[in-house]
Amino acid sequence: MIEASKILIVDDEKPIATLLAQTFEQEGHLVASAHDGIDCMNKMASFRPDVVIMDIMMPKLDGVDTTKLIRRNQSYSSTIIVALSAMS
């Protein structure tokens, strides 16, 4: 059995975020959601996720710039970031 992870889903499309959250929660993971990059950065410190599922195209602060901010912070060096995009 895989150990439960803390997963932060960052997506401005609520139906996608909800579907992902339900899927990971059914597998026993603890899930939080953020709706843009700014919201993500605010939740990083309090939630301390093991994994971030990051949408690339979002308002305010996109997924690429948010990923760069996360990677600049040494305390998140072991956090896995998975890019999610509808772009081809």
C-alpha atoms as a PDB file:
ATOM      1  CA  MET A   1       0.000   0.000   0.000  1.00  0.00           C
ATOM      2  CA  ILE A   2       1.239   3.482  -0.897  1.00  0.00           C
ATOM      3  CA  GLU A   3       1.619   5.928   1.985  1.00  0.00           C
ATOM      4  CA  ALA A   4      -0.860   8.823   1.930  1.00  0.00           C
ATOM      5  CA  SER A   5       0.517  12.110   0.628  1.00  0.00           C
ATOM      6  CA  LYS A   6      -0.528  15.700   1.072  1.00  0.00           C
ATOM      7  CA  ILE A   7      -1.513  16.974  -2.369  1.00  0.00           C
ATOM      8  CA  LEU A   8      -2.172  20.584  -3.342  1.00  0.00           C
ATOM      9  CA  ILE A   9      -4.229  20.955  -6.512  1.00  0.00           C
ATOM     10  CA  VAL A  10      -3.780  24.329  -8.220  1.00  0.00           C
ATOM     11  CA  ASP A  11      -6.322  24.934 -10.979  1.00  0.00           C
ATOM     12  CA  ASP A  12      -8.650  27.825 -11.802  1.00  0.00           C
ATOM     13  CA  GLU A  13     -11.190  25.426 -13.351  1.00  0.00           C
ATOM     14  CA  LYS A  14     -13.289  24.308 -10.371  1.00  0.00           C
ATOM     15  CA  PRO A  15     -14.712  21.130 -12.031  1.00  0.00           C
ATOM     16  CA  ILE A  16     -11.200  19.889 -12.806  1.00  0.00           C
ATOM     17  CA  ALA A  17      -9.934  20.683  -9.307  1.00  0.00           C
ATOM     18  CA  THR A  18     -12.947  18.935  -7.765  1.00  0.00           C
ATOM     19  CA  LEU A  19     -12.524  15.814  -9.895  1.00  0.00           C
ATOM     20  CA  LEU A  20      -8.822  15.586  -9.073  1.00  0.00           C
ATOM     21  CA  ALA A  21      -9.468  16.148  -5.362  1.00  0.00           C
ATOM     22  CA  GLN A  22     -12.134  13.434  -5.228  1.00  0.00           C
ATOM     23  CA  THR A  23      -9.878  10.976  -7.056  1.00  0.00           C
ATOM     24  CA  PHE A  24      -6.912  11.530  -4.733  1.00  0.00           C
ATOM     25  CA  GLU A  25      -9.086  11.553  -1.604  1.00  0.00           C
ATOM     26  CA  GLN A  26     -10.591   8.186  -2.597  1.00  0.00           C
ATOM     27  CA  GLU A  27      -7.040   6.836  -2.633  1.00  0.00           C
ATOM     28  CA  GLY A  28      -6.538   8.085   0.928  1.00  0.00           C
ATOM     29  CA  HIS A  29      -4.545  11.258   0.267  1.00  0.00           C
ATOM     30  CA  LEU A  30      -5.063  14.543   2.094  1.00  0.00           C
ATOM     31  CA  VAL A  31      -5.990  17.201  -0.475  1.00  0.00           C
ATOM     32  CA  ALA A  32      -6.176  20.987  -0.515  1.00  0.00           C
ATOM     33  CA  SER A  33      -7.009  23.240  -3.465  1.00  0.00           C
ATOM     34  CA  ALA A  34      -5.850  26.625  -4.705  1.00  0.00           C
ATOM     35  CA  HIS A  35      -7.407  28.564  -7.566  1.00  0.00           C
ATOM     36  CA  ASP A  36      -4.400  30.525  -8.831  1.00  0.00           C
ATOM     37  CA  GLY A  37      -0.699  30.939  -8.189  1.00  0.00           C
ATOM     38  CA  ILE A  38      -1.146  33.531  -5.456  1.00  0.00           C
ATOM     39  CA  ASP A  39      -3.561  31.270  -3.580  1.00  0.00           C
ATOM     40  CA  CYS A  40      -1.072  28.412  -4.061  1.00  0.00           C
ATOM     41  CA  MET A  41       1.796  30.339  -2.506  1.00  0.00           C
ATOM     42  CA  ASN A  42      -0.385  31.264   0.469  1.00  0.00           C
ATOM     43  CA  LYS A  43      -1.309  27.609   1.032  1.00  0.00           C
ATOM     44  CA  MET A  44       2.217  26.208   0.597  1.00  0.00           C
ATOM     45  CA  ALA A  45       3.370  27.363   4.041  1.00  0.00           C
ATOM     46  CA  SER A  46       0.316  26.226   5.972  1.00  0.00           C
ATOM     47  CA  PHE A  47      -0.458  22.957   4.137  1.00  0.00           C
ATOM     48  CA  ARG A  48       3.137  21.849   3.348  1.00  0.00           C
ATOM     49  CA  PRO A  49       2.218  19.530   0.444  1.00  0.00           C
ATOM     50  CA  ASP A  50       4.304  16.581  -0.696  1.00  0.00           C
ATOM     51  CA  VAL A  51       2.968  16.992  -4.232  1.00  0.00           C
ATOM     52  CA  VAL A  52       1.588  19.980  -6.164  1.00  0.00           C
ATOM     53  CA  ILE A  53      -0.591  19.347  -9.233  1.00  0.00           C
ATOM     54  CA  MET A  54      -0.120  22.653 -11.089  1.00  0.00           C
ATOM     55  CA  ASP A  55      -2.265  23.988 -13.930  1.00  0.00           C
ATOM     56  CA  ILE A  56      -0.133  25.999 -16.331  1.00  0.00           C
ATOM     57  CA  MET A  57      -2.674  28.553 -17.603  1.00  0.00           C
ATOM     58  CA  MET A  58      -4.211  30.491 -14.692  1.00  0.00           C
ATOM     59  CA  PRO A  59      -5.091  34.113 -13.964  1.00  0.00           C
ATOM     60  CA  LYS A  60      -3.057  36.403 -11.685  1.00  0.00           C
ATOM     61  CA  LEU A  61       0.034  34.164 -11.467  1.00  0.00           C
ATOM     62  CA  ASP A  62       0.390  31.313 -13.958  1.00  0.00           C
ATOM     63  CA  GLY A  63       1.732  27.834 -13.250  1.00  0.00           C
ATOM     64  CA  VAL A  64       5.185  28.454 -14.743  1.00  0.00           C
ATOM     65  CA  ASP A  65       5.846  31.516 -12.592  1.00  0.00           C
ATOM     66  CA  THR A  66       4.344  29.838  -9.525  1.00  0.00           C
ATOM     67  CA  THR A  67       6.628  26.835 -10.030  1.00  0.00           C
ATOM     68  CA  LYS A  68       9.629  29.178 -10.223  1.00  0.00           C
ATOM     69  CA  LEU A  69       8.612  30.800  -6.926  1.00  0.00           C
ATOM     70  CA  ILE A  70       8.222  27.418  -5.235  1.00  0.00           C
ATOM     71  CA  ARG A  71      11.629  26.266  -6.505  1.00  0.00           C
ATOM     72  CA  ARG A  72      13.317  29.433  -5.154  1.00  0.00           C
ATOM     73  CA  ASN A  73      12.290  28.448  -1.630  1.00  0.00           C
ATOM     74  CA  GLN A  74      14.704  25.858  -0.216  1.00  0.00           C
ATOM     75  CA  SER A  75      12.105  24.562   2.257  1.00  0.00           C
ATOM     76  CA  TYR A  76      10.102  23.210  -0.706  1.00  0.00           C
ATOM     77  CA  SER A  77      13.045  21.508  -2.409  1.00  0.00           C
ATOM     78  CA  SER A  78      11.584  18.018  -1.924  1.00  0.00           C
ATOM     79  CA  THR A  79       8.080  19.000  -3.079  1.00  0.00           C
ATOM     80  CA  ILE A  80       7.117  17.235  -6.295  1.00  0.00           C
ATOM     81  CA  ILE A  81       5.441  19.476  -8.881  1.00  0.00           C
ATOM     82  CA  VAL A  82       3.380  17.934 -11.676  1.00  0.00           C
ATOM     83  CA  ALA A  83       2.354  20.211 -14.552  1.00  0.00           C
ATOM     84  CA  LEU A  84      -1.210  19.914 -15.799  1.00  0.00           C
ATOM     85  CA  SER A  85      -2.330  21.645 -18.968  1.00  0.00           C
ATOM     86  CA  ALA A  86      -4.959  21.580 -21.690  1.00  0.00           C
ATOM     87  CA  MET A  87      -2.345  23.030 -24.056  1.00  0.00           C
ATOM     88  CA  SER A  88      -1.154  20.703 -26.798  1.00  0.00           C
END
